[in-house]
Amino acid sequence: MDRTQFSSILEQAFSTQASAHGQQYLDGAAAAWGLTGASYLGFALCGLSPAELRKVQYSARDQFGPVILNCKWYDALKAECLNGKDEADALLPGPDGTLCECRVSSDLFLEMLDFCREG
């Protein structure tokens, strides 16, 4: 498994897709939203508490505004983050600052993107 935290992978994918569509994240915004997405997956798979998830989500939104993300970008984001497969191993935030290794399915990945867009 790639030991890169999934939040960094998602950060890069968010930045790449925004740039490809003529948009740009403020400094730190893609990282904040990448952590939010990874935290959602950590909530779903690793036992991250709802309070911890909401803290990350509200911080990203309050500091940087809404995520720059169009649902038309979902397939490209999924391909980039899951390496073109239906699932991928990921290093995700767990409770109390821990990291856990989990398998992220494409369905859960798409659900996470919806969570970010709604956030």
PDB file of N, CA and C in Angstrom:
ATOM      1  N   MET A   1       0.829  -1.181   0.000  1.00  0.00           N
ATOM      2  CA  MET A   1       0.000   0.000   0.000  1.00  0.00           C
ATOM      3  C   MET A   1       0.875   1.247   0.000  1.00  0.00           C
ATOM      4  N   ASP A   2       0.458   2.237  -0.725  1.00  0.00           N
ATOM      5  CA  ASP A   2       1.105   3.547  -0.711  1.00  0.00           C
ATOM      6  C   ASP A   2       0.904   4.143   0.678  1.00  0.00           C
ATOM      7  N   ARG A   3       1.967   4.550   1.353  1.00  0.00           N
ATOM      8  CA  ARG A   3       1.873   5.052   2.720  1.00  0.00           C
ATOM      9  C   ARG A   3       1.494   6.535   2.772  1.00  0.00           C
ATOM     10  N   THR A   4       1.185   7.124   1.652  1.00  0.00           N
ATOM     11  CA  THR A   4       0.735   8.507   1.621  1.00  0.00           C
ATOM     12  C   THR A   4      -0.664   8.586   2.218  1.00  0.00           C
ATOM     13  N   GLN A   5      -0.868   9.541   3.096  1.00  0.00           N
ATOM     14  CA  GLN A   5      -2.197   9.716   3.666  1.00  0.00           C
ATOM     15  C   GLN A   5      -3.181  10.056   2.548  1.00  0.00           C
ATOM     16  N   PHE A   6      -4.362   9.487   2.629  1.00  0.00           N
ATOM     17  CA  PHE A   6      -5.360   9.681   1.588  1.00  0.00           C
ATOM     18  C   PHE A   6      -5.751  11.150   1.456  1.00  0.00           C
ATOM     19  N   SER A   7      -5.679  11.901   2.539  1.00  0.00           N
ATOM     20  CA  SER A   7      -6.023  13.329   2.464  1.00  0.00           C
ATOM     21  C   SER A   7      -5.100  14.058   1.487  1.00  0.00           C
ATOM     22  N   SER A   8      -3.843  13.670   1.414  1.00  0.00           N
ATOM     23  CA  SER A   8      -2.898  14.287   0.470  1.00  0.00           C
ATOM     24  C   SER A   8      -3.216  13.903  -0.973  1.00  0.00           C
ATOM     25  N   ILE A   9      -3.611  12.674  -1.170  1.00  0.00           N
ATOM     26  CA  ILE A   9      -3.996  12.211  -2.509  1.00  0.00           C
ATOM     27  C   ILE A   9      -5.232  12.969  -2.976  1.00  0.00           C
ATOM     28  N   LEU A  10      -6.193  13.119  -2.074  1.00  0.00           N
ATOM     29  CA  LEU A  10      -7.426  13.829  -2.405  1.00  0.00           C
ATOM     30  C   LEU A  10      -7.164  15.317  -2.618  1.00  0.00           C
ATOM     31  N   GLU A  11      -6.297  15.890  -1.809  1.00  0.00           N
ATOM     32  CA  GLU A  11      -5.907  17.300  -1.990  1.00  0.00           C
ATOM     33  C   GLU A  11      -5.370  17.542  -3.389  1.00  0.00           C
ATOM     34  N   GLN A  12      -4.451  16.697  -3.827  1.00  0.00           N
ATOM     35  CA  GLN A  12      -3.858  16.840  -5.159  1.00  0.00           C
ATOM     36  C   GLN A  12      -4.918  16.680  -6.246  1.00  0.00           C
ATOM     37  N   ALA A  13      -5.804  15.714  -6.078  1.00  0.00           N
ATOM     38  CA  ALA A  13      -6.857  15.487  -7.075  1.00  0.00           C
ATOM     39  C   ALA A  13      -7.813  16.677  -7.150  1.00  0.00           C
ATOM     40  N   PHE A  14      -8.203  17.223  -5.997  1.00  0.00           N
ATOM     41  CA  PHE A  14      -9.067  18.416  -5.993  1.00  0.00           C
ATOM     42  C   PHE A  14      -8.391  19.568  -6.735  1.00  0.00           C
ATOM     43  N   SER A  15      -7.123  19.802  -6.438  1.00  0.00           N
ATOM     44  CA  SER A  15      -6.390  20.900  -7.089  1.00  0.00           C
ATOM     45  C   SER A  15      -6.279  20.682  -8.591  1.00  0.00           C
ATOM     46  N   THR A  16      -5.962  19.465  -8.983  1.00  0.00           N
ATOM     47  CA  THR A  16      -5.802  19.138 -10.399  1.00  0.00           C
ATOM     48  C   THR A  16      -7.104  19.356 -11.158  1.00  0.00           C
ATOM     49  N   GLN A  17      -8.208  18.863 -10.620  1.00  0.00           N
ATOM     50  CA  GLN A  17      -9.492  19.003 -11.311  1.00  0.00           C
ATOM     51  C   GLN A  17      -9.959  20.456 -11.354  1.00  0.00           C
ATOM     52  N   ALA A  18      -9.776  21.180 -10.269  1.00  0.00           N
ATOM     53  CA  ALA A  18     -10.159  22.599 -10.272  1.00  0.00           C
ATOM     54  C   ALA A  18      -9.371  23.344 -11.337  1.00  0.00           C
ATOM     55  N   SER A  19      -8.063  23.126 -11.390  1.00  0.00           N
ATOM     56  CA  SER A  19      -7.214  23.799 -12.378  1.00  0.00           C
ATOM     57  C   SER A  19      -7.614  23.426 -13.801  1.00  0.00           C
ATOM     58  N   ALA A  20      -7.926  22.156 -14.008  1.00  0.00           N
ATOM     59  CA  ALA A  20      -8.325  21.693 -15.337  1.00  0.00           C
ATOM     60  C   ALA A  20      -9.619  22.361 -15.803  1.00  0.00           C
ATOM     61  N   HIS A  21     -10.380  22.897 -14.859  1.00  0.00           N
ATOM     62  CA  HIS A  21     -11.655  23.534 -15.195  1.00  0.00           C
ATOM     63  C   HIS A  21     -11.625  25.038 -14.921  1.00  0.00           C
ATOM     64  N   GLY A  22     -10.412  25.606 -14.935  1.00  0.00           N
ATOM     65  CA  GLY A  22     -10.256  27.049 -14.841  1.00  0.00           C
ATOM     66  C   GLY A  22     -10.541  27.649 -13.476  1.00  0.00           C
ATOM     67  N   GLN A  23     -10.447  26.832 -12.437  1.00  0.00           N
ATOM     68  CA  GLN A  23     -10.672  27.320 -11.081  1.00  0.00           C
ATOM     69  C   GLN A  23      -9.435  27.046 -10.243  1.00  0.00           C
ATOM     70  N   GLN A  24      -9.355  27.705  -9.092  1.00  0.00           N
ATOM     71  CA  GLN A  24      -8.171  27.533  -8.252  1.00  0.00           C
ATOM     72  C   GLN A  24      -8.560  27.621  -6.788  1.00  0.00           C
ATOM     73  N   TYR A  25      -7.977  26.739  -6.001  1.00  0.00           N
ATOM     74  CA  TYR A  25      -8.162  26.770  -4.554  1.00  0.00           C
ATOM     75  C   TYR A  25      -7.225  27.814  -3.947  1.00  0.00           C
ATOM     76  N   LEU A  26      -7.677  28.481  -2.890  1.00  0.00           N
ATOM     77  CA  LEU A  26      -6.800  29.337  -2.099  1.00  0.00           C
ATOM     78  C   LEU A  26      -5.768  28.461  -1.410  1.00  0.00           C
ATOM     79  N   ASP A  27      -4.635  29.048  -1.021  1.00  0.00           N
ATOM     80  CA  ASP A  27      -3.610  28.282  -0.313  1.00  0.00           C
ATOM     81  C   ASP A  27      -4.206  27.618   0.924  1.00  0.00           C
ATOM     82  N   GLY A  28      -4.043  26.331   1.022  1.00  0.00           N
ATOM     83  CA  GLY A  28      -4.529  25.570   2.156  1.00  0.00           C
ATOM     84  C   GLY A  28      -5.934  25.013   1.997  1.00  0.00           C
ATOM     85  N   ALA A  29      -6.698  25.522   1.045  1.00  0.00           N
ATOM     86  CA  ALA A  29      -8.094  25.101   0.903  1.00  0.00           C
ATOM     87  C   ALA A  29      -8.213  23.663   0.393  1.00  0.00           C
ATOM     88  N   ALA A  30      -7.447  23.299  -0.608  1.00  0.00           N
ATOM     89  CA  ALA A  30      -7.524  21.926  -1.125  1.00  0.00           C
ATOM     90  C   ALA A  30      -7.081  20.929  -0.051  1.00  0.00           C
ATOM     91  N   ALA A  31      -6.089  21.315   0.755  1.00  0.00           N
ATOM     92  CA  ALA A  31      -5.642  20.442   1.847  1.00  0.00           C
ATOM     93  C   ALA A  31      -6.745  20.276   2.888  1.00  0.00           C
ATOM     94  N   ALA A  32      -7.420  21.381   3.214  1.00  0.00           N
ATOM     95  CA  ALA A  32      -8.498  21.322   4.205  1.00  0.00           C
ATOM     96  C   ALA A  32      -9.645  20.452   3.719  1.00  0.00           C
ATOM     97  N   TRP A  33     -10.007  20.591   2.444  1.00  0.00           N
ATOM     98  CA  TRP A  33     -11.094  19.783   1.904  1.00  0.00           C
ATOM     99  C   TRP A  33     -10.654  18.339   1.670  1.00  0.00           C
ATOM    100  N   GLY A  34      -9.368  18.127   1.362  1.00  0.00           N
ATOM    101  CA  GLY A  34      -8.849  16.763   1.261  1.00  0.00           C
ATOM    102  C   GLY A  34      -8.926  16.056   2.608  1.00  0.00           C
ATOM    103  N   LEU A  35      -8.606  16.779   3.685  1.00  0.00           N
ATOM    104  CA  LEU A  35      -8.709  16.212   5.024  1.00  0.00           C
ATOM    105  C   LEU A  35     -10.170  15.946   5.385  1.00  0.00           C
ATOM    106  N   THR A  36     -11.057  16.829   4.956  1.00  0.00           N
ATOM    107  CA  THR A  36     -12.482  16.622   5.216  1.00  0.00           C
ATOM    108  C   THR A  36     -12.965  15.334   4.548  1.00  0.00           C
ATOM    109  N   GLY A  37     -12.605  15.152   3.286  1.00  0.00           N
ATOM    110  CA  GLY A  37     -13.005  13.929   2.583  1.00  0.00           C
ATOM    111  C   GLY A  37     -12.423  12.684   3.221  1.00  0.00           C
ATOM    112  N   ALA A  38     -11.143  12.742   3.559  1.00  0.00           N
ATOM    113  CA  ALA A  38     -10.495  11.593   4.205  1.00  0.00           C
ATOM    114  C   ALA A  38     -11.129  11.327   5.571  1.00  0.00           C
ATOM    115  N   SER A  39     -11.511  12.394   6.270  1.00  0.00           N
ATOM    116  CA  SER A  39     -12.147  12.233   7.575  1.00  0.00           C
ATOM    117  C   SER A  39     -13.515  11.574   7.452  1.00  0.00           C
ATOM    118  N   TYR A  40     -14.239  11.908   6.386  1.00  0.00           N
ATOM    119  CA  TYR A  40     -15.518  11.236   6.154  1.00  0.00           C
ATOM    120  C   TYR A  40     -15.291   9.733   5.980  1.00  0.00           C
ATOM    121  N   LEU A  41     -14.292   9.374   5.206  1.00  0.00           N
ATOM    122  CA  LEU A  41     -13.978   7.958   5.020  1.00  0.00           C
ATOM    123  C   LEU A  41     -13.530   7.331   6.332  1.00  0.00           C
ATOM    124  N   GLY A  42     -12.763   8.089   7.133  1.00  0.00           N
ATOM    125  CA  GLY A  42     -12.359   7.608   8.450  1.00  0.00           C
ATOM    126  C   GLY A  42     -13.549   7.402   9.372  1.00  0.00           C
ATOM    127  N   PHE A  43     -14.531   8.260   9.258  1.00  0.00           N
ATOM    128  CA  PHE A  43     -15.774   8.102  10.016  1.00  0.00           C
ATOM    129  C   PHE A  43     -16.489   6.817   9.582  1.00  0.00           C
ATOM    130  N   ALA A  44     -16.572   6.594   8.275  1.00  0.00           N
ATOM    131  CA  ALA A  44     -17.286   5.433   7.742  1.00  0.00           C
ATOM    132  C   ALA A  44     -16.552   4.121   8.004  1.00  0.00           C
ATOM    133  N   LEU A  45     -15.220   4.153   8.037  1.00  0.00           N
ATOM    134  CA  LEU A  45     -14.450   2.905   8.065  1.00  0.00           C
ATOM    135  C   LEU A  45     -13.575   2.687   9.302  1.00  0.00           C
ATOM    136  N   CYS A  46     -13.217   3.760  10.002  1.00  0.00           N
ATOM    137  CA  CYS A  46     -12.186   3.637  11.040  1.00  0.00           C
ATOM    138  C   CYS A  46     -12.626   4.044  12.446  1.00  0.00           C
ATOM    139  N   GLY A  47     -13.874   4.416  12.602  1.00  0.00           N
ATOM    140  CA  GLY A  47     -14.330   4.789  13.929  1.00  0.00           C
ATOM    141  C   GLY A  47     -14.080   6.233  14.326  1.00  0.00           C
ATOM    142  N   LEU A  48     -13.766   7.095  13.363  1.00  0.00           N
ATOM    143  CA  LEU A  48     -13.662   8.521  13.670  1.00  0.00           C
ATOM    144  C   LEU A  48     -15.034   8.983  14.141  1.00  0.00           C
ATOM    145  N   SER A  49     -15.073   9.738  15.218  1.00  0.00           N
ATOM    146  CA  SER A  49     -16.368  10.126  15.790  1.00  0.00           C
ATOM    147  C   SER A  49     -17.054  11.191  14.938  1.00  0.00           C
ATOM    148  N   PRO A  50     -18.381  11.261  15.025  1.00  0.00           N
ATOM    149  CA  PRO A  50     -19.097  12.327  14.320  1.00  0.00           C
ATOM    150  C   PRO A  50     -18.610  13.716  14.739  1.00  0.00           C
ATOM    151  N   ALA A  51     -18.287  13.888  16.007  1.00  0.00           N
ATOM    152  CA  ALA A  51     -17.802  15.195  16.480  1.00  0.00           C
ATOM    153  C   ALA A  51     -16.470  15.557  15.837  1.00  0.00           C
ATOM    154  N   GLU A  52     -15.560  14.574  15.719  1.00  0.00           N
ATOM    155  CA  GLU A  52     -14.271  14.837  15.073  1.00  0.00           C
ATOM    156  C   GLU A  52     -14.459  15.164  13.597  1.00  0.00           C
ATOM    157  N   LEU A  53     -15.334  14.432  12.927  1.00  0.00           N
ATOM    158  CA  LEU A  53     -15.618  14.689  11.517  1.00  0.00           C
ATOM    159  C   LEU A  53     -16.183  16.095  11.331  1.00  0.00           C
ATOM    160  N   ARG A  54     -17.167  16.459  12.123  1.00  0.00           N
ATOM    161  CA  ARG A  54     -17.790  17.777  11.990  1.00  0.00           C
ATOM    162  C   ARG A  54     -16.805  18.900  12.286  1.00  0.00           C
ATOM    163  N   LYS A  55     -15.906  18.696  13.223  1.00  0.00           N
ATOM    164  CA  LYS A  55     -14.896  19.713  13.532  1.00  0.00           C
ATOM    165  C   LYS A  55     -14.026  19.997  12.307  1.00  0.00           C
ATOM    166  N   VAL A  56     -13.589  18.950  11.625  1.00  0.00           N
ATOM    167  CA  VAL A  56     -12.771  19.096  10.416  1.00  0.00           C
ATOM    168  C   VAL A  56     -13.588  19.754   9.305  1.00  0.00           C
ATOM    169  N   GLN A  57     -14.813  19.289   9.115  1.00  0.00           N
ATOM    170  CA  GLN A  57     -15.680  19.814   8.064  1.00  0.00           C
ATOM    171  C   GLN A  57     -15.976  21.297   8.278  1.00  0.00           C
ATOM    172  N   TYR A  58     -16.383  21.665   9.491  1.00  0.00           N
ATOM    173  CA  TYR A  58     -16.744  23.059   9.766  1.00  0.00           C
ATOM    174  C   TYR A  58     -15.531  23.969   9.677  1.00  0.00           C
ATOM    175  N   SER A  59     -14.374  23.482  10.078  1.00  0.00           N
ATOM    176  CA  SER A  59     -13.151  24.264   9.972  1.00  0.00           C
ATOM    177  C   SER A  59     -12.827  24.574   8.516  1.00  0.00           C
ATOM    178  N   ALA A  60     -12.922  23.567   7.645  1.00  0.00           N
ATOM    179  CA  ALA A  60     -12.644  23.779   6.214  1.00  0.00           C
ATOM    180  C   ALA A  60     -13.622  24.785   5.624  1.00  0.00           C
ATOM    181  N   ARG A  61     -14.884  24.607   5.919  1.00  0.00           N
ATOM    182  CA  ARG A  61     -15.914  25.491   5.361  1.00  0.00           C
ATOM    183  C   ARG A  61     -15.772  26.915   5.909  1.00  0.00           C
ATOM    184  N   ASP A  62     -15.566  27.053   7.218  1.00  0.00           N
ATOM    185  CA  ASP A  62     -15.474  28.380   7.826  1.00  0.00           C
ATOM    186  C   ASP A  62     -14.233  29.132   7.361  1.00  0.00           C
ATOM    187  N   GLN A  63     -13.141  28.404   7.177  1.00  0.00           N
ATOM    188  CA  GLN A  63     -11.881  29.039   6.799  1.00  0.00           C
ATOM    189  C   GLN A  63     -11.779  29.316   5.302  1.00  0.00           C
ATOM    190  N   PHE A  64     -12.339  28.421   4.467  1.00  0.00           N
ATOM    191  CA  PHE A  64     -12.101  28.510   3.023  1.00  0.00           C
ATOM    192  C   PHE A  64     -13.362  28.588   2.169  1.00  0.00           C
ATOM    193  N   GLY A  65     -14.523  28.499   2.765  1.00  0.00           N
ATOM    194  CA  GLY A  65     -15.744  28.485   1.978  1.00  0.00           C
ATOM    195  C   GLY A  65     -16.009  27.098   1.427  1.00  0.00           C
ATOM    196  N   PRO A  66     -16.987  26.984   0.530  1.00  0.00           N
ATOM    197  CA  PRO A  66     -17.356  25.666   0.014  1.00  0.00           C
ATOM    198  C   PRO A  66     -16.242  25.041  -0.837  1.00  0.00           C
ATOM    199  N   VAL A  67     -16.283  23.726  -0.902  1.00  0.00           N
ATOM    200  CA  VAL A  67     -15.328  22.989  -1.730  1.00  0.00           C
ATOM    201  C   VAL A  67     -15.562  23.366  -3.199  1.00  0.00           C
ATOM    202  N   ILE A  68     -14.486  23.414  -3.959  1.00  0.00           N
ATOM    203  CA  ILE A  68     -14.590  23.623  -5.409  1.00  0.00           C
ATOM    204  C   ILE A  68     -14.669  22.233  -6.022  1.00  0.00           C
ATOM    205  N   LEU A  69     -15.881  21.852  -6.398  1.00  0.00           N
ATOM    206  CA  LEU A  69     -16.115  20.480  -6.839  1.00  0.00           C
ATOM    207  C   LEU A  69     -17.416  20.420  -7.621  1.00  0.00           C
ATOM    208  N   ASN A  70     -17.332  19.929  -8.837  1.00  0.00           N
ATOM    209  CA  ASN A  70     -18.494  19.762  -9.682  1.00  0.00           C
ATOM    210  C   ASN A  70     -18.751  18.261  -9.814  1.00  0.00           C
ATOM    211  N   CYS A  71     -20.000  17.846  -9.761  1.00  0.00           N
ATOM    212  CA  CYS A  71     -20.295  16.411  -9.856  1.00  0.00           C
ATOM    213  C   CYS A  71     -19.835  15.816 -11.194  1.00  0.00           C
ATOM    214  N   LYS A  72     -19.635  16.644 -12.203  1.00  0.00           N
ATOM    215  CA  LYS A  72     -19.135  16.157 -13.490  1.00  0.00           C
ATOM    216  C   LYS A  72     -17.672  15.716 -13.404  1.00  0.00           C
ATOM    217  N   TRP A  73     -17.001  16.085 -12.322  1.00  0.00           N
ATOM    218  CA  TRP A  73     -15.595  15.716 -12.129  1.00  0.00           C
ATOM    219  C   TRP A  73     -15.445  14.391 -11.377  1.00  0.00           C
ATOM    220  N   TYR A  74     -16.528  13.812 -10.917  1.00  0.00           N
ATOM    221  CA  TYR A  74     -16.452  12.635 -10.052  1.00  0.00           C
ATOM    222  C   TYR A  74     -15.674  11.477 -10.683  1.00  0.00           C
ATOM    223  N   ASP A  75     -15.933  11.178 -11.934  1.00  0.00           N
ATOM    224  CA  ASP A  75     -15.248  10.041 -12.564  1.00  0.00           C
ATOM    225  C   ASP A  75     -13.745  10.267 -12.633  1.00  0.00           C
ATOM    226  N   ALA A  76     -13.328  11.475 -12.971  1.00  0.00           N
ATOM    227  CA  ALA A  76     -11.898  11.773 -13.034  1.00  0.00           C
ATOM    228  C   ALA A  76     -11.256  11.715 -11.645  1.00  0.00           C
ATOM    229  N   LEU A  77     -11.948  12.234 -10.647  1.00  0.00           N
ATOM    230  CA  LEU A  77     -11.435  12.178  -9.278  1.00  0.00           C
ATOM    231  C   LEU A  77     -11.321  10.735  -8.802  1.00  0.00           C
ATOM    232  N   LYS A  78     -12.351   9.943  -9.082  1.00  0.00           N
ATOM    233  CA  LYS A  78     -12.332   8.534  -8.685  1.00  0.00           C
ATOM    234  C   LYS A  78     -11.184   7.797  -9.361  1.00  0.00           C
ATOM    235  N   ALA A  79     -11.002   8.024 -10.649  1.00  0.00           N
ATOM    236  CA  ALA A  79      -9.914   7.357 -11.375  1.00  0.00           C
ATOM    237  C   ALA A  79      -8.554   7.748 -10.802  1.00  0.00           C
ATOM    238  N   GLU A  80      -8.383   9.037 -10.489  1.00  0.00           N
ATOM    239  CA  GLU A  80      -7.107   9.501  -9.961  1.00  0.00           C
ATOM    240  C   GLU A  80      -6.847   8.963  -8.559  1.00  0.00           C
ATOM    241  N   CYS A  81      -7.835   9.020  -7.705  1.00  0.00           N
ATOM    242  CA  CYS A  81      -7.633   8.646  -6.301  1.00  0.00           C
ATOM    243  C   CYS A  81      -7.653   7.140  -6.056  1.00  0.00           C
ATOM    244  N   LEU A  82      -8.382   6.403  -6.886  1.00  0.00           N
ATOM    245  CA  LEU A  82      -8.449   4.942  -6.723  1.00  0.00           C
ATOM    246  C   LEU A  82      -7.608   4.220  -7.770  1.00  0.00           C
ATOM    247  N   ASN A  83      -6.748   4.953  -8.441  1.00  0.00           N
ATOM    248  CA  ASN A  83      -5.826   4.371  -9.429  1.00  0.00           C
ATOM    249  C   ASN A  83      -6.542   3.599 -10.519  1.00  0.00           C
ATOM    250  N   GLY A  84      -7.705   4.103 -10.946  1.00  0.00           N
ATOM    251  CA  GLY A  84      -8.441   3.481 -12.034  1.00  0.00           C
ATOM    252  C   GLY A  84      -9.124   2.178 -11.677  1.00  0.00           C
ATOM    253  N   LYS A  85      -9.194   1.849 -10.386  1.00  0.00           N
ATOM    254  CA  LYS A  85      -9.800   0.585  -9.951  1.00  0.00           C
ATOM    255  C   LYS A  85     -11.118   0.860  -9.236  1.00  0.00           C
ATOM    256  N   ASP A  86     -11.807  -0.216  -8.859  1.00  0.00           N
ATOM    257  CA  ASP A  86     -13.075  -0.100  -8.145  1.00  0.00           C
ATOM    258  C   ASP A  86     -12.891   0.098  -6.651  1.00  0.00           C
ATOM    259  N   GLU A  87     -11.675  -0.101  -6.169  1.00  0.00           N
ATOM    260  CA  GLU A  87     -11.369   0.116  -4.762  1.00  0.00           C
ATOM    261  C   GLU A  87      -9.872   0.286  -4.608  1.00  0.00           C
ATOM    262  N   ALA A  88      -9.486   0.875  -3.478  1.00  0.00           N
ATOM    263  CA  ALA A  88      -8.063   1.091  -3.213  1.00  0.00           C
ATOM    264  C   ALA A  88      -7.828   1.125  -1.709  1.00  0.00           C
ATOM    265  N   ASP A  89      -6.638   0.736  -1.311  1.00  0.00           N
ATOM    266  CA  ASP A  89      -6.245   0.856   0.085  1.00  0.00           C
ATOM    267  C   ASP A  89      -5.932   2.310   0.376  1.00  0.00           C
ATOM    268  N   ALA A  90      -6.279   2.744   1.583  1.00  0.00           N
ATOM    269  CA  ALA A  90      -6.081   4.140   1.941  1.00  0.00           C
ATOM    270  C   ALA A  90      -5.674   4.250   3.401  1.00  0.00           C
ATOM    271  N   LEU A  91      -4.849   5.243   3.695  1.00  0.00           N
ATOM    272  CA  LEU A  91      -4.438   5.569   5.052  1.00  0.00           C
ATOM    273  C   LEU A  91      -5.316   6.734   5.504  1.00  0.00           C
ATOM    274  N   LEU A  92      -6.225   6.451   6.450  1.00  0.00           N
ATOM    275  CA  LEU A  92      -7.287   7.391   6.815  1.00  0.00           C
ATOM    276  C   LEU A  92      -7.188   7.818   8.279  1.00  0.00           C
ATOM    277  N   PRO A  93      -7.749   8.992   8.593  1.00  0.00           N
ATOM    278  CA  PRO A  93      -7.778   9.436   9.981  1.00  0.00           C
ATOM    279  C   PRO A  93      -8.708   8.553  10.815  1.00  0.00           C
ATOM    280  N   GLY A  94      -8.196   8.155  11.966  1.00  0.00           N
ATOM    281  CA  GLY A  94      -9.006   7.395  12.910  1.00  0.00           C
ATOM    282  C   GLY A  94      -9.204   8.211  14.175  1.00  0.00           C
ATOM    283  N   PRO A  95      -9.734   7.584  15.206  1.00  0.00           N
ATOM    284  CA  PRO A  95      -9.992   8.301  16.451  1.00  0.00           C
ATOM    285  C   PRO A  95      -8.717   8.841  17.092  1.00  0.00           C
ATOM    286  N   ASP A  96      -8.844   9.998  17.693  1.00  0.00           N
ATOM    287  CA  ASP A  96      -7.764  10.599  18.485  1.00  0.00           C
ATOM    288  C   ASP A  96      -6.438  10.736  17.740  1.00  0.00           C
ATOM    289  N   GLY A  97      -6.506  11.095  16.456  1.00  0.00           N
ATOM    290  CA  GLY A  97      -5.294  11.354  15.691  1.00  0.00           C
ATOM    291  C   GLY A  97      -4.578  10.135  15.155  1.00  0.00           C
ATOM    292  N   THR A  98      -5.164   8.967  15.314  1.00  0.00           N
ATOM    293  CA  THR A  98      -4.537   7.764  14.782  1.00  0.00           C
ATOM    294  C   THR A  98      -4.762   7.693  13.274  1.00  0.00           C
ATOM    295  N   LEU A  99      -3.992   6.849  12.615  1.00  0.00           N
ATOM    296  CA  LEU A  99      -4.196   6.563  11.196  1.00  0.00           C
ATOM    297  C   LEU A  99      -4.533   5.087  11.064  1.00  0.00           C
ATOM    298  N   CYS A 100      -5.438   4.771  10.166  1.00  0.00           N
ATOM    299  CA  CYS A 100      -5.757   3.362   9.953  1.00  0.00           C
ATOM    300  C   CYS A 100      -5.780   3.065   8.458  1.00  0.00           C
ATOM    301  N   GLU A 101      -5.409   1.843   8.148  1.00  0.00           N
ATOM    302  CA  GLU A 101      -5.413   1.387   6.760  1.00  0.00           C
ATOM    303  C   GLU A 101      -6.753   0.732   6.474  1.00  0.00           C
ATOM    304  N   CYS A 102      -7.401   1.189   5.425  1.00  0.00           N
ATOM    305  CA  CYS A 102      -8.711   0.647   5.047  1.00  0.00           C
ATOM    306  C   CYS A 102      -8.806   0.551   3.538  1.00  0.00           C
ATOM    307  N   ARG A 103      -9.772  -0.228   3.107  1.00  0.00           N
ATOM    308  CA  ARG A 103     -10.072  -0.345   1.684  1.00  0.00           C
ATOM    309  C   ARG A 103     -11.283   0.522   1.381  1.00  0.00           C
ATOM    310  N   VAL A 104     -11.101   1.449   0.433  1.00  0.00           N
ATOM    311  CA  VAL A 104     -12.166   2.377   0.041  1.00  0.00           C
ATOM    312  C   VAL A 104     -12.760   1.898  -1.275  1.00  0.00           C
ATOM    313  N   SER A 105     -14.064   1.681  -1.283  1.00  0.00           N
ATOM    314  CA  SER A 105     -14.759   1.275  -2.507  1.00  0.00           C
ATOM    315  C   SER A 105     -15.110   2.511  -3.326  1.00  0.00           C
ATOM    316  N   SER A 106     -15.369   2.300  -4.593  1.00  0.00           N
ATOM    317  CA  SER A 106     -15.751   3.426  -5.449  1.00  0.00           C
ATOM    318  C   SER A 106     -17.084   4.023  -4.993  1.00  0.00           C
ATOM    319  N   ASP A 107     -18.013   3.197  -4.528  1.00  0.00           N
ATOM    320  CA  ASP A 107     -19.294   3.718  -4.046  1.00  0.00           C
ATOM    321  C   ASP A 107     -19.102   4.621  -2.833  1.00  0.00           C
ATOM    322  N   LEU A 108     -18.281   4.197  -1.885  1.00  0.00           N
ATOM    323  CA  LEU A 108     -18.028   5.021  -0.704  1.00  0.00           C
ATOM    324  C   LEU A 108     -17.271   6.290  -1.088  1.00  0.00           C
ATOM    325  N   PHE A 109     -16.361   6.179  -2.042  1.00  0.00           N
ATOM    326  CA  PHE A 109     -15.629   7.359  -2.513  1.00  0.00           C
ATOM    327  C   PHE A 109     -16.598   8.399  -3.081  1.00  0.00           C
ATOM    328  N   LEU A 110     -17.536   7.961  -3.901  1.00  0.00           N
ATOM    329  CA  LEU A 110     -18.521   8.881  -4.481  1.00  0.00           C
ATOM    330  C   LEU A 110     -19.425   9.481  -3.402  1.00  0.00           C
ATOM    331  N   GLU A 111     -19.777   8.688  -2.409  1.00  0.00           N
ATOM    332  CA  GLU A 111     -20.563   9.186  -1.273  1.00  0.00           C
ATOM    333  C   GLU A 111     -19.783  10.287  -0.534  1.00  0.00           C
ATOM    334  N   MET A 112     -18.467  10.084  -0.383  1.00  0.00           N
ATOM    335  CA  MET A 112     -17.609  11.066   0.271  1.00  0.00           C
ATOM    336  C   MET A 112     -17.589  12.376  -0.521  1.00  0.00           C
ATOM    337  N   LEU A 113     -17.532  12.302  -1.843  1.00  0.00           N
ATOM    338  CA  LEU A 113     -17.555  13.521  -2.652  1.00  0.00           C
ATOM    339  C   LEU A 113     -18.861  14.280  -2.453  1.00  0.00           C
ATOM    340  N   ASP A 114     -19.967  13.547  -2.384  1.00  0.00           N
ATOM    341  CA  ASP A 114     -21.252  14.199  -2.104  1.00  0.00           C
ATOM    342  C   ASP A 114     -21.230  14.884  -0.743  1.00  0.00           C
ATOM    343  N   PHE A 115     -20.662  14.234   0.251  1.00  0.00           N
ATOM    344  CA  PHE A 115     -20.557  14.831   1.575  1.00  0.00           C
ATOM    345  C   PHE A 115     -19.776  16.143   1.516  1.00  0.00           C
ATOM    346  N   CYS A 116     -18.684  16.147   0.803  1.00  0.00           N
ATOM    347  CA  CYS A 116     -17.888  17.386   0.671  1.00  0.00           C
ATOM    348  C   CYS A 116     -18.696  18.484  -0.025  1.00  0.00           C
ATOM    349  N   ARG A 117     -19.373  18.134  -1.092  1.00  0.00           N
ATOM    350  CA  ARG A 117     -20.176  19.134  -1.817  1.00  0.00           C
ATOM    351  C   ARG A 117     -21.292  19.711  -0.969  1.00  0.00           C
ATOM    352  N   GLU A 118     -21.863  18.882  -0.121  1.00  0.00           N
ATOM    353  CA  GLU A 118     -22.961  19.327   0.737  1.00  0.00           C
ATOM    354  C   GLU A 118     -22.472  20.072   1.963  1.00  0.00           C
ATOM    355  N   GLY A 119     -21.158  19.935   2.255  1.00  0.00           N
ATOM    356  CA  GLY A 119     -20.567  20.463   3.481  1.00  0.00           C
ATOM    357  C   GLY A 119     -20.483  21.913   3.601  1.00  0.00           C
TER     358      GLY A 119
END
